[in-house]
Amino acid sequence: MTVHINPVGGVLLVVAYVVGHLVYKHTRTGPTSKGDVVGAIGCGTAVATMLLLVLSGGTPVVQTPAPTGDGTPSTPASLVPGP
């Protein structure tokens, strides 16, 4: 089974990983200390989210109903009030 990843999404994940890795390495204070894992994950997630918003254009996809031909717009079944 092959999963297709959009090239922009792949670049986004690589950049987020690199930022997280740099934050982890930068927060080490000594030769035996460990870096801030939570901070690195948070920074990587924030970078991925911001890049996703910037690179996707930030425009939501709005579905408009197709005209029925008799002058009245069609209403999707999910928007029709129930009994």
PDB file of N, CA and C in Angstrom:
ATOM      1  N   MET A   1       0.847  -1.169   0.000  1.00  0.00           N
ATOM      2  CA  MET A   1       0.000   0.000   0.000  1.00  0.00           C
ATOM      3  C   MET A   1       0.897   1.238   0.000  1.00  0.00           C
ATOM      4  N   THR A   2       0.622   2.155  -0.890  1.00  0.00           N
ATOM      5  CA  THR A   2       1.411   3.374  -1.008  1.00  0.00           C
ATOM      6  C   THR A   2       0.571   4.565  -0.571  1.00  0.00           C
ATOM      7  N   VAL A   3       1.145   5.403   0.281  1.00  0.00           N
ATOM      8  CA  VAL A   3       0.464   6.609   0.721  1.00  0.00           C
ATOM      9  C   VAL A   3       1.132   7.788   0.030  1.00  0.00           C
ATOM     10  N   HIS A   4       0.344   8.556  -0.705  1.00  0.00           N
ATOM     11  CA  HIS A   4       0.880   9.713  -1.414  1.00  0.00           C
ATOM     12  C   HIS A   4       0.902  10.917  -0.488  1.00  0.00           C
ATOM     13  N   ILE A   5       2.058  11.555  -0.352  1.00  0.00           N
ATOM     14  CA  ILE A   5       2.198  12.767   0.447  1.00  0.00           C
ATOM     15  C   ILE A   5       2.493  13.907  -0.510  1.00  0.00           C
ATOM     16  N   ASN A   6       1.707  14.951  -0.408  1.00  0.00           N
ATOM     17  CA  ASN A   6       1.895  16.138  -1.229  1.00  0.00           C
ATOM     18  C   ASN A   6       3.315  16.682  -1.004  1.00  0.00           C
ATOM     19  N   PRO A   7       4.022  17.124  -2.048  1.00  0.00           N
ATOM     20  CA  PRO A   7       5.384  17.641  -1.860  1.00  0.00           C
ATOM     21  C   PRO A   7       5.451  18.811  -0.872  1.00  0.00           C
ATOM     22  N   VAL A   8       4.441  19.676  -0.866  1.00  0.00           N
ATOM     23  CA  VAL A   8       4.438  20.788   0.085  1.00  0.00           C
ATOM     24  C   VAL A   8       4.320  20.245   1.510  1.00  0.00           C
ATOM     25  N   GLY A   9       3.502  19.240   1.699  1.00  0.00           N
ATOM     26  CA  GLY A   9       3.370  18.623   3.009  1.00  0.00           C
ATOM     27  C   GLY A   9       4.652  17.947   3.457  1.00  0.00           C
ATOM     28  N   GLY A  10       5.358  17.323   2.528  1.00  0.00           N
ATOM     29  CA  GLY A  10       6.635  16.701   2.860  1.00  0.00           C
ATOM     30  C   GLY A  10       7.677  17.713   3.294  1.00  0.00           C
ATOM     31  N   VAL A  11       7.756  18.820   2.569  1.00  0.00           N
ATOM     32  CA  VAL A  11       8.688  19.888   2.943  1.00  0.00           C
ATOM     33  C   VAL A  11       8.310  20.464   4.302  1.00  0.00           C
ATOM     34  N   LEU A  12       7.016  20.635   4.524  1.00  0.00           N
ATOM     35  CA  LEU A  12       6.528  21.153   5.796  1.00  0.00           C
ATOM     36  C   LEU A  12       6.964  20.257   6.952  1.00  0.00           C
ATOM     37  N   LEU A  13       6.823  18.955   6.792  1.00  0.00           N
ATOM     38  CA  LEU A  13       7.223  18.027   7.855  1.00  0.00           C
ATOM     39  C   LEU A  13       8.733  18.051   8.086  1.00  0.00           C
ATOM     40  N   VAL A  14       9.503  18.157   7.023  1.00  0.00           N
ATOM     41  CA  VAL A  14      10.960  18.196   7.169  1.00  0.00           C
ATOM     42  C   VAL A  14      11.393  19.469   7.906  1.00  0.00           C
ATOM     43  N   VAL A  15      10.813  20.614   7.533  1.00  0.00           N
ATOM     44  CA  VAL A  15      11.159  21.872   8.203  1.00  0.00           C
ATOM     45  C   VAL A  15      10.767  21.823   9.675  1.00  0.00           C
ATOM     46  N   ALA A  16       9.579  21.298   9.980  1.00  0.00           N
ATOM     47  CA  ALA A  16       9.138  21.192  11.375  1.00  0.00           C
ATOM     48  C   ALA A  16      10.068  20.267  12.160  1.00  0.00           C
ATOM     49  N   TYR A  17      10.511  19.169  11.550  1.00  0.00           N
ATOM     50  CA  TYR A  17      11.437  18.258  12.219  1.00  0.00           C
ATOM     51  C   TYR A  17      12.767  18.954  12.500  1.00  0.00           C
ATOM     52  N   VAL A  18      13.292  19.684  11.527  1.00  0.00           N
ATOM     53  CA  VAL A  18      14.576  20.369  11.705  1.00  0.00           C
ATOM     54  C   VAL A  18      14.474  21.417  12.810  1.00  0.00           C
ATOM     55  N   VAL A  19      13.384  22.176  12.834  1.00  0.00           N
ATOM     56  CA  VAL A  19      13.211  23.180  13.893  1.00  0.00           C
ATOM     57  C   VAL A  19      13.120  22.504  15.252  1.00  0.00           C
ATOM     58  N   GLY A  20      12.351  21.446  15.354  1.00  0.00           N
ATOM     59  CA  GLY A  20      12.258  20.714  16.622  1.00  0.00           C
ATOM     60  C   GLY A  20      13.596  20.161  17.067  1.00  0.00           C
ATOM     61  N   HIS A  21      14.370  19.644  16.135  1.00  0.00           N
ATOM     62  CA  HIS A  21      15.693  19.102  16.464  1.00  0.00           C
ATOM     63  C   HIS A  21      16.635  20.217  16.936  1.00  0.00           C
ATOM     64  N   LEU A  22      16.596  21.366  16.261  1.00  0.00           N
ATOM     65  CA  LEU A  22      17.443  22.487  16.677  1.00  0.00           C
ATOM     66  C   LEU A  22      17.065  23.004  18.064  1.00  0.00           C
ATOM     67  N   VAL A  23      15.789  23.070  18.353  1.00  0.00           N
ATOM     68  CA  VAL A  23      15.352  23.505  19.684  1.00  0.00           C
ATOM     69  C   VAL A  23      15.814  22.510  20.731  1.00  0.00           C
ATOM     70  N   TYR A  24      15.693  21.223  20.434  1.00  0.00           N
ATOM     71  CA  TYR A  24      16.132  20.201  21.379  1.00  0.00           C
ATOM     72  C   TYR A  24      17.634  20.314  21.647  1.00  0.00           C
ATOM     73  N   LYS A  25      18.421  20.486  20.596  1.00  0.00           N
ATOM     74  CA  LYS A  25      19.880  20.592  20.763  1.00  0.00           C
ATOM     75  C   LYS A  25      20.271  21.901  21.455  1.00  0.00           C
ATOM     76  N   HIS A  26      19.546  22.975  21.186  1.00  0.00           N
ATOM     77  CA  HIS A  26      19.885  24.275  21.765  1.00  0.00           C
ATOM     78  C   HIS A  26      19.577  24.343  23.262  1.00  0.00           C
ATOM     79  N   THR A  27      18.620  23.554  23.732  1.00  0.00           N
ATOM     80  CA  THR A  27      18.233  23.614  25.144  1.00  0.00           C
ATOM     81  C   THR A  27      19.100  22.732  26.032  1.00  0.00           C
ATOM     82  N   ARG A  28      20.085  22.091  25.480  1.00  0.00           N
ATOM     83  CA  ARG A  28      21.020  21.313  26.310  1.00  0.00           C
ATOM     84  C   ARG A  28      21.973  22.278  26.985  1.00  0.00           C
ATOM     85  N   THR A  29      22.112  22.143  28.305  1.00  0.00           N
ATOM     86  CA  THR A  29      22.955  23.074  29.050  1.00  0.00           C
ATOM     87  C   THR A  29      24.328  22.510  29.379  1.00  0.00           C
ATOM     88  N   GLY A  30      24.479  21.238  29.362  1.00  0.00           N
ATOM     89  CA  GLY A  30      25.763  20.627  29.689  1.00  0.00           C
ATOM     90  C   GLY A  30      25.964  19.345  28.914  1.00  0.00           C
ATOM     91  N   PRO A  31      27.128  18.733  29.084  1.00  0.00           N
ATOM     92  CA  PRO A  31      27.418  17.512  28.310  1.00  0.00           C
ATOM     93  C   PRO A  31      26.549  16.322  28.718  1.00  0.00           C
ATOM     94  N   THR A  32      26.073  16.290  29.951  1.00  0.00           N
ATOM     95  CA  THR A  32      25.266  15.147  30.385  1.00  0.00           C
ATOM     96  C   THR A  32      23.782  15.482  30.494  1.00  0.00           C
ATOM     97  N   SER A  33      23.393  16.717  30.222  1.00  0.00           N
ATOM     98  CA  SER A  33      21.987  17.081  30.349  1.00  0.00           C
ATOM     99  C   SER A  33      21.234  16.769  29.059  1.00  0.00           C
ATOM    100  N   LYS A  34      19.951  16.565  29.232  1.00  0.00           N
ATOM    101  CA  LYS A  34      19.088  16.306  28.077  1.00  0.00           C
ATOM    102  C   LYS A  34      18.393  17.595  27.683  1.00  0.00           C
ATOM    103  N   GLY A  35      17.992  17.681  26.443  1.00  0.00           N
ATOM    104  CA  GLY A  35      17.291  18.868  25.954  1.00  0.00           C
ATOM    105  C   GLY A  35      15.836  18.866  26.379  1.00  0.00           C
ATOM    106  N   ASP A  36      15.154  19.945  26.081  1.00  0.00           N
ATOM    107  CA  ASP A  36      13.742  20.102  26.420  1.00  0.00           C
ATOM    108  C   ASP A  36      12.893  19.440  25.339  1.00  0.00           C
ATOM    109  N   VAL A  37      12.438  18.225  25.600  1.00  0.00           N
ATOM    110  CA  VAL A  37      11.680  17.461  24.615  1.00  0.00           C
ATOM    111  C   VAL A  37      10.318  18.104  24.369  1.00  0.00           C
ATOM    112  N   VAL A  38       9.662  18.535  25.443  1.00  0.00           N
ATOM    113  CA  VAL A  38       8.334  19.133  25.299  1.00  0.00           C
ATOM    114  C   VAL A  38       8.413  20.439  24.510  1.00  0.00           C
ATOM    115  N   GLY A  39       9.408  21.249  24.788  1.00  0.00           N
ATOM    116  CA  GLY A  39       9.583  22.491  24.046  1.00  0.00           C
ATOM    117  C   GLY A  39       9.873  22.241  22.581  1.00  0.00           C
ATOM    118  N   ALA A  40      10.675  21.218  22.300  1.00  0.00           N
ATOM    119  CA  ALA A  40      11.009  20.886  20.914  1.00  0.00           C
ATOM    120  C   ALA A  40       9.772  20.411  20.153  1.00  0.00           C
ATOM    121  N   ILE A  41       8.958  19.571  20.783  1.00  0.00           N
ATOM    122  CA  ILE A  41       7.734  19.094  20.134  1.00  0.00           C
ATOM    123  C   ILE A  41       6.769  20.253  19.923  1.00  0.00           C
ATOM    124  N   GLY A  42       6.652  21.129  20.918  1.00  0.00           N
ATOM    125  CA  GLY A  42       5.770  22.293  20.786  1.00  0.00           C
ATOM    126  C   GLY A  42       6.210  23.224  19.670  1.00  0.00           C
ATOM    127  N   CYS A  43       7.508  23.481  19.576  1.00  0.00           N
ATOM    128  CA  CYS A  43       8.021  24.355  18.511  1.00  0.00           C
ATOM    129  C   CYS A  43       7.826  23.723  17.136  1.00  0.00           C
ATOM    130  N   GLY A  44       8.091  22.441  17.023  1.00  0.00           N
ATOM    131  CA  GLY A  44       7.885  21.756  15.753  1.00  0.00           C
ATOM    132  C   GLY A  44       6.429  21.781  15.319  1.00  0.00           C
ATOM    133  N   THR A  45       5.524  21.578  16.273  1.00  0.00           N
ATOM    134  CA  THR A  45       4.097  21.626  15.972  1.00  0.00           C
ATOM    135  C   THR A  45       3.659  23.028  15.573  1.00  0.00           C
ATOM    136  N   ALA A  46       4.168  24.034  16.282  1.00  0.00           N
ATOM    137  CA  ALA A  46       3.817  25.424  15.952  1.00  0.00           C
ATOM    138  C   ALA A  46       4.315  25.797  14.565  1.00  0.00           C
ATOM    139  N   VAL A  47       5.532  25.388  14.230  1.00  0.00           N
ATOM    140  CA  VAL A  47       6.080  25.688  12.903  1.00  0.00           C
ATOM    141  C   VAL A  47       5.268  24.982  11.824  1.00  0.00           C
ATOM    142  N   ALA A  48       4.923  23.728  12.053  1.00  0.00           N
ATOM    143  CA  ALA A  48       4.126  22.992  11.066  1.00  0.00           C
ATOM    144  C   ALA A  48       2.765  23.642  10.867  1.00  0.00           C
ATOM    145  N   THR A  49       2.136  24.076  11.952  1.00  0.00           N
ATOM    146  CA  THR A  49       0.826  24.721  11.853  1.00  0.00           C
ATOM    147  C   THR A  49       0.916  26.047  11.104  1.00  0.00           C
ATOM    148  N   MET A  50       1.897  26.856  11.443  1.00  0.00           N
ATOM    149  CA  MET A  50       2.032  28.154  10.777  1.00  0.00           C
ATOM    150  C   MET A  50       2.353  27.980   9.287  1.00  0.00           C
ATOM    151  N   LEU A  51       3.236  27.063   8.965  1.00  0.00           N
ATOM    152  CA  LEU A  51       3.557  26.836   7.550  1.00  0.00           C
ATOM    153  C   LEU A  51       2.351  26.295   6.794  1.00  0.00           C
ATOM    154  N   LEU A  52       1.571  25.447   7.437  1.00  0.00           N
ATOM    155  CA  LEU A  52       0.365  24.925   6.799  1.00  0.00           C
ATOM    156  C   LEU A  52      -0.608  26.052   6.488  1.00  0.00           C
ATOM    157  N   LEU A  53      -0.786  26.968   7.437  1.00  0.00           N
ATOM    158  CA  LEU A  53      -1.696  28.086   7.203  1.00  0.00           C
ATOM    159  C   LEU A  53      -1.172  29.023   6.119  1.00  0.00           C
ATOM    160  N   VAL A  54       0.132  29.271   6.128  1.00  0.00           N
ATOM    161  CA  VAL A  54       0.707  30.193   5.148  1.00  0.00           C
ATOM    162  C   VAL A  54       0.736  29.570   3.754  1.00  0.00           C
ATOM    163  N   LEU A  55       1.164  28.331   3.650  1.00  0.00           N
ATOM    164  CA  LEU A  55       1.317  27.707   2.340  1.00  0.00           C
ATOM    165  C   LEU A  55       0.004  27.250   1.725  1.00  0.00           C
ATOM    166  N   SER A  56      -1.018  27.037   2.541  1.00  0.00           N
ATOM    167  CA  SER A  56      -2.298  26.610   1.982  1.00  0.00           C
ATOM    168  C   SER A  56      -3.123  27.792   1.506  1.00  0.00           C
ATOM    169  N   GLY A  57      -2.711  29.006   1.825  1.00  0.00           N
ATOM    170  CA  GLY A  57      -3.429  30.189   1.383  1.00  0.00           C
ATOM    171  C   GLY A  57      -4.443  30.683   2.381  1.00  0.00           C
ATOM    172  N   GLY A  58      -4.821  29.867   3.327  1.00  0.00           N
ATOM    173  CA  GLY A  58      -5.751  30.280   4.364  1.00  0.00           C
ATOM    174  C   GLY A  58      -7.177  30.494   3.897  1.00  0.00           C
ATOM    175  N   THR A  59      -7.507  30.046   2.688  1.00  0.00           N
ATOM    176  CA  THR A  59      -8.870  30.209   2.195  1.00  0.00           C
ATOM    177  C   THR A  59      -9.622  28.902   2.369  1.00  0.00           C
ATOM    178  N   PRO A  60     -10.731  28.942   3.101  1.00  0.00           N
ATOM    179  CA  PRO A  60     -11.504  27.716   3.280  1.00  0.00           C
ATOM    180  C   PRO A  60     -12.237  27.340   1.999  1.00  0.00           C
ATOM    181  N   VAL A  61     -12.442  26.070   1.798  1.00  0.00           N
ATOM    182  CA  VAL A  61     -13.168  25.582   0.636  1.00  0.00           C
ATOM    183  C   VAL A  61     -14.649  25.573   0.985  1.00  0.00           C
ATOM    184  N   VAL A  62     -15.439  26.329   0.229  1.00  0.00           N
ATOM    185  CA  VAL A  62     -16.870  26.414   0.470  1.00  0.00           C
ATOM    186  C   VAL A  62     -17.591  25.723  -0.674  1.00  0.00           C
ATOM    187  N   GLN A  63     -18.440  24.780  -0.328  1.00  0.00           N
ATOM    188  CA  GLN A  63     -19.199  24.082  -1.360  1.00  0.00           C
ATOM    189  C   GLN A  63     -20.536  24.785  -1.550  1.00  0.00           C
ATOM    190  N   THR A  64     -20.812  25.185  -2.781  1.00  0.00           N
ATOM    191  CA  THR A  64     -22.086  25.815  -3.086  1.00  0.00           C
ATOM    192  C   THR A  64     -22.964  24.802  -3.797  1.00  0.00           C
ATOM    193  N   PRO A  65     -24.252  24.806  -3.476  1.00  0.00           N
ATOM    194  CA  PRO A  65     -25.141  23.834  -4.131  1.00  0.00           C
ATOM    195  C   PRO A  65     -25.308  24.160  -5.613  1.00  0.00           C
ATOM    196  N   ALA A  66     -25.414  23.127  -6.410  1.00  0.00           N
ATOM    197  CA  ALA A  66     -25.600  23.307  -7.853  1.00  0.00           C
ATOM    198  C   ALA A  66     -27.036  23.751  -8.121  1.00  0.00           C
ATOM    199  N   PRO A  67     -27.250  24.638  -9.108  1.00  0.00           N
ATOM    200  CA  PRO A  67     -28.617  25.067  -9.415  1.00  0.00           C
ATOM    201  C   PRO A  67     -29.442  23.910  -9.958  1.00  0.00           C
ATOM    202  N   THR A  68     -30.722  23.907  -9.600  1.00  0.00           N
ATOM    203  CA  THR A  68     -31.605  22.817 -10.028  1.00  0.00           C
ATOM    204  C   THR A  68     -32.231  23.072 -11.380  1.00  0.00           C
ATOM    205  N   GLY A  69     -32.181  24.299 -11.863  1.00  0.00           N
ATOM    206  CA  GLY A  69     -32.725  24.592 -13.175  1.00  0.00           C
ATOM    207  C   GLY A  69     -34.090  25.255 -13.130  1.00  0.00           C
ATOM    208  N   ASP A  70     -34.807  25.162 -12.008  1.00  0.00           N
ATOM    209  CA  ASP A  70     -36.126  25.779 -11.923  1.00  0.00           C
ATOM    210  C   ASP A  70     -36.105  27.104 -11.162  1.00  0.00           C
ATOM    211  N   GLY A  71     -34.916  27.649 -10.914  1.00  0.00           N
ATOM    212  CA  GLY A  71     -34.808  28.942 -10.275  1.00  0.00           C
ATOM    213  C   GLY A  71     -34.653  28.905  -8.767  1.00  0.00           C
ATOM    214  N   THR A  72     -34.791  27.742  -8.163  1.00  0.00           N
ATOM    215  CA  THR A  72     -34.608  27.640  -6.712  1.00  0.00           C
ATOM    216  C   THR A  72     -33.331  26.866  -6.438  1.00  0.00           C
ATOM    217  N   PRO A  73     -32.541  27.327  -5.478  1.00  0.00           N
ATOM    218  CA  PRO A  73     -31.309  26.583  -5.168  1.00  0.00           C
ATOM    219  C   PRO A  73     -31.633  25.276  -4.468  1.00  0.00           C
ATOM    220  N   SER A  74     -30.842  24.263  -4.789  1.00  0.00           N
ATOM    221  CA  SER A  74     -31.034  22.974  -4.126  1.00  0.00           C
ATOM    222  C   SER A  74     -30.421  23.027  -2.733  1.00  0.00           C
ATOM    223  N   THR A  75     -31.030  22.342  -1.796  1.00  0.00           N
ATOM    224  CA  THR A  75     -30.545  22.305  -0.416  1.00  0.00           C
ATOM    225  C   THR A  75     -29.995  20.915  -0.146  1.00  0.00           C
ATOM    226  N   PRO A  76     -28.735  20.832   0.326  1.00  0.00           N
ATOM    227  CA  PRO A  76     -28.186  19.511   0.642  1.00  0.00           C
ATOM    228  C   PRO A  76     -29.021  18.829   1.729  1.00  0.00           C
ATOM    229  N   ALA A  77     -29.066  17.508   1.688  1.00  0.00           N
ATOM    230  CA  ALA A  77     -29.876  16.752   2.637  1.00  0.00           C
ATOM    231  C   ALA A  77     -29.433  16.969   4.074  1.00  0.00           C
ATOM    232  N   SER A  78     -28.159  17.281   4.281  1.00  0.00           N
ATOM    233  CA  SER A  78     -27.671  17.472   5.649  1.00  0.00           C
ATOM    234  C   SER A  78     -28.175  18.783   6.247  1.00  0.00           C
ATOM    235  N   LEU A  79     -28.660  19.719   5.414  1.00  0.00           N
ATOM    236  CA  LEU A  79     -29.146  20.999   5.912  1.00  0.00           C
ATOM    237  C   LEU A  79     -30.659  21.056   6.046  1.00  0.00           C
ATOM    238  N   VAL A  80     -31.341  20.025   5.587  1.00  0.00           N
ATOM    239  CA  VAL A  80     -32.800  20.005   5.675  1.00  0.00           C
ATOM    240  C   VAL A  80     -33.182  19.668   7.108  1.00  0.00           C
ATOM    241  N   PRO A  81     -34.055  20.494   7.746  1.00  0.00           N
ATOM    242  CA  PRO A  81     -34.447  20.203   9.131  1.00  0.00           C
ATOM    243  C   PRO A  81     -35.232  18.896   9.200  1.00  0.00           C
ATOM    244  N   GLY A  82     -35.006  18.173  10.257  1.00  0.00           N
ATOM    245  CA  GLY A  82     -35.666  16.898  10.457  1.00  0.00           C
ATOM    246  C   GLY A  82     -37.081  17.060  10.992  1.00  0.00           C
ATOM    247  N   PRO A  83     -37.823  15.954  11.101  1.00  0.00           N
ATOM    248  CA  PRO A  83     -39.213  16.017  11.588  1.00  0.00           C
ATOM    249  C   PRO A  83     -39.319  16.351  13.050  1.00  0.00           C
TER     250      PRO A  83
END
